[in-house]
């Protein structure tokens, strides 16, 4: 008898959790009629973005930044004792 009661409680708990998880899903909410379906909004086509002209130093192949930016010791965290 005790197994039946514990099994019933466990089954009811699993069913409740599964129901709550399913109802939180938007598709299930739509099918059950809990929320109204959203009307699709047709967005007007935006014009293509215009990129500003690049700086002449970048086009000429001039280096940008310094090598120390990549290999600076303070960038890396070290656990080795000093």
C-alpha atoms as a PDB file:
ATOM      1  CA  UNK A   1       0.000   0.000   0.000  1.00  0.00           C
ATOM      2  CA  UNK A   2       2.830   2.345   0.864  1.00  0.00           C
ATOM      3  CA  UNK A   3       4.468   1.669  -2.521  1.00  0.00           C
ATOM      4  CA  UNK A   4       1.227   2.566  -4.261  1.00  0.00           C
ATOM      5  CA  UNK A   5       0.941   5.870  -2.390  1.00  0.00           C
ATOM      6  CA  UNK A   6       4.593   6.788  -2.974  1.00  0.00           C
ATOM      7  CA  UNK A   7       4.317   5.830  -6.647  1.00  0.00           C
ATOM      8  CA  UNK A   8       1.172   7.903  -7.050  1.00  0.00           C
ATOM      9  CA  UNK A   9       2.801  10.918  -5.425  1.00  0.00           C
ATOM     10  CA  UNK A  10       5.940  10.527  -7.549  1.00  0.00           C
ATOM     11  CA  UNK A  11       3.881  10.135 -10.735  1.00  0.00           C
ATOM     12  CA  UNK A  12       1.759  13.171  -9.913  1.00  0.00           C
ATOM     13  CA  UNK A  13       4.888  15.198  -9.199  1.00  0.00           C
ATOM     14  CA  UNK A  14       6.480  14.168 -12.505  1.00  0.00           C
ATOM     15  CA  UNK A  15       3.260  14.936 -14.391  1.00  0.00           C
ATOM     16  CA  UNK A  16       3.042  18.360 -12.749  1.00  0.00           C
ATOM     17  CA  UNK A  17       6.632  19.208 -13.610  1.00  0.00           C
ATOM     18  CA  UNK A  18       6.193  18.012 -17.207  1.00  0.00           C
ATOM     19  CA  UNK A  19       2.985  20.039 -17.548  1.00  0.00           C
ATOM     20  CA  UNK A  20       4.590  23.193 -16.191  1.00  0.00           C
ATOM     21  CA  UNK A  21       7.596  22.756 -18.479  1.00  0.00           C
ATOM     22  CA  UNK A  22       5.344  22.207 -21.503  1.00  0.00           C
ATOM     23  CA  UNK A  23       3.093  25.177 -20.775  1.00  0.00           C
ATOM     24  CA  UNK A  24       6.126  27.459 -20.537  1.00  0.00           C
ATOM     25  CA  UNK A  25       6.851  26.648 -24.195  1.00  0.00           C
ATOM     26  CA  UNK A  26       5.463  29.348 -26.511  1.00  0.00           C
ATOM     27  CA  UNK A  27       4.210  26.857 -29.132  1.00  0.00           C
ATOM     28  CA  UNK A  28       2.195  24.962 -26.525  1.00  0.00           C
ATOM     29  CA  UNK A  29       0.773  28.224 -25.216  1.00  0.00           C
ATOM     30  CA  UNK A  30      -0.410  29.081 -28.732  1.00  0.00           C
ATOM     31  CA  UNK A  31      -2.038  25.659 -29.210  1.00  0.00           C
ATOM     32  CA  UNK A  32      -3.816  25.889 -25.854  1.00  0.00           C
ATOM     33  CA  UNK A  33      -4.975  29.430 -26.579  1.00  0.00           C
ATOM     34  CA  UNK A  34      -3.218  30.923 -23.565  1.00  0.00           C
ATOM     35  CA  UNK A  35      -1.625  33.714 -25.626  1.00  0.00           C
ATOM     36  CA  UNK A  36      -2.676  35.415 -28.799  1.00  0.00           C
ATOM     37  CA  UNK A  37      -0.620  34.729 -31.914  1.00  0.00           C
ATOM     38  CA  UNK A  38       1.583  37.631 -32.864  1.00  0.00           C
ATOM     39  CA  UNK A  39       0.788  39.332 -36.137  1.00  0.00           C
ATOM     40  CA  UNK A  40       3.888  39.235 -38.320  1.00  0.00           C
ATOM     41  CA  UNK A  41       5.224  42.702 -38.951  1.00  0.00           C
ATOM     42  CA  UNK A  42       6.529  43.310 -42.427  1.00  0.00           C
ATOM     43  CA  UNK A  43       9.591  45.482 -42.100  1.00  0.00           C
ATOM     44  CA  UNK A  44      10.337  47.981 -44.812  1.00  0.00           C
ATOM     45  CA  UNK A  45      13.590  47.274 -46.599  1.00  0.00           C
ATOM     46  CA  UNK A  46      16.316  49.447 -45.208  1.00  0.00           C
ATOM     47  CA  UNK A  47      18.872  50.936 -47.557  1.00  0.00           C
ATOM     48  CA  UNK A  48      22.244  49.238 -47.697  1.00  0.00           C
ATOM     49  CA  UNK A  49      24.763  50.830 -45.332  1.00  0.00           C
ATOM     50  CA  UNK A  50      27.376  53.052 -46.859  1.00  0.00           C
ATOM     51  CA  UNK A  51      30.859  52.401 -45.505  1.00  0.00           C
ATOM     52  CA  UNK A  52      33.063  55.436 -44.956  1.00  0.00           C
ATOM     53  CA  UNK A  53      36.292  55.504 -46.933  1.00  0.00           C
ATOM     54  CA  UNK A  54      39.228  53.843 -45.191  1.00  0.00           C
ATOM     55  CA  UNK A  55      42.087  55.901 -43.824  1.00  0.00           C
ATOM     56  CA  UNK A  56      44.985  56.251 -46.270  1.00  0.00           C
ATOM     57  CA  UNK A  57      47.533  54.819 -43.794  1.00  0.00           C
ATOM     58  CA  UNK A  58      45.628  51.518 -43.620  1.00  0.00           C
ATOM     59  CA  UNK A  59      45.408  51.303 -47.384  1.00  0.00           C
ATOM     60  CA  UNK A  60      49.125  51.966 -47.733  1.00  0.00           C
ATOM     61  CA  UNK A  61      49.978  48.945 -45.569  1.00  0.00           C
ATOM     62  CA  UNK A  62      51.327  50.929 -42.633  1.00  0.00           C
ATOM     63  CA  UNK A  63      51.460  48.857 -39.404  1.00  0.00           C
ATOM     64  CA  UNK A  64      48.665  49.441 -36.958  1.00  0.00           C
ATOM     65  CA  UNK A  65      49.462  49.284 -33.256  1.00  0.00           C
ATOM     66  CA  UNK A  66      52.614  47.904 -31.678  1.00  0.00           C
ATOM     67  CA  UNK A  67      53.895  44.345 -31.202  1.00  0.00           C
ATOM     68  CA  UNK A  68      53.955  44.973 -27.463  1.00  0.00           C
ATOM     69  CA  UNK A  69      50.143  45.030 -27.559  1.00  0.00           C
ATOM     70  CA  UNK A  70      50.090  41.287 -28.259  1.00  0.00           C
ATOM     71  CA  UNK A  71      52.948  40.067 -26.126  1.00  0.00           C
ATOM     72  CA  UNK A  72      52.770  42.318 -23.078  1.00  0.00           C
ATOM     73  CA  UNK A  73      53.572  40.345 -19.914  1.00  0.00           C
ATOM     74  CA  UNK A  74      50.865  42.106 -17.939  1.00  0.00           C
ATOM     75  CA  UNK A  75      48.217  40.671 -20.315  1.00  0.00           C
ATOM     76  CA  UNK A  76      48.954  37.117 -19.265  1.00  0.00           C
ATOM     77  CA  UNK A  77      48.178  35.784 -15.845  1.00  0.00           C
ATOM     78  CA  UNK A  78      50.904  33.593 -14.472  1.00  0.00           C
ATOM     79  CA  UNK A  79      50.609  31.247 -11.487  1.00  0.00           C
ATOM     80  CA  UNK A  80      54.325  30.542 -11.343  1.00  0.00           C
ATOM     81  CA  UNK A  81      56.102  32.115  -8.382  1.00  0.00           C
ATOM     82  CA  UNK A  82      58.432  34.980  -9.158  1.00  0.00           C
END
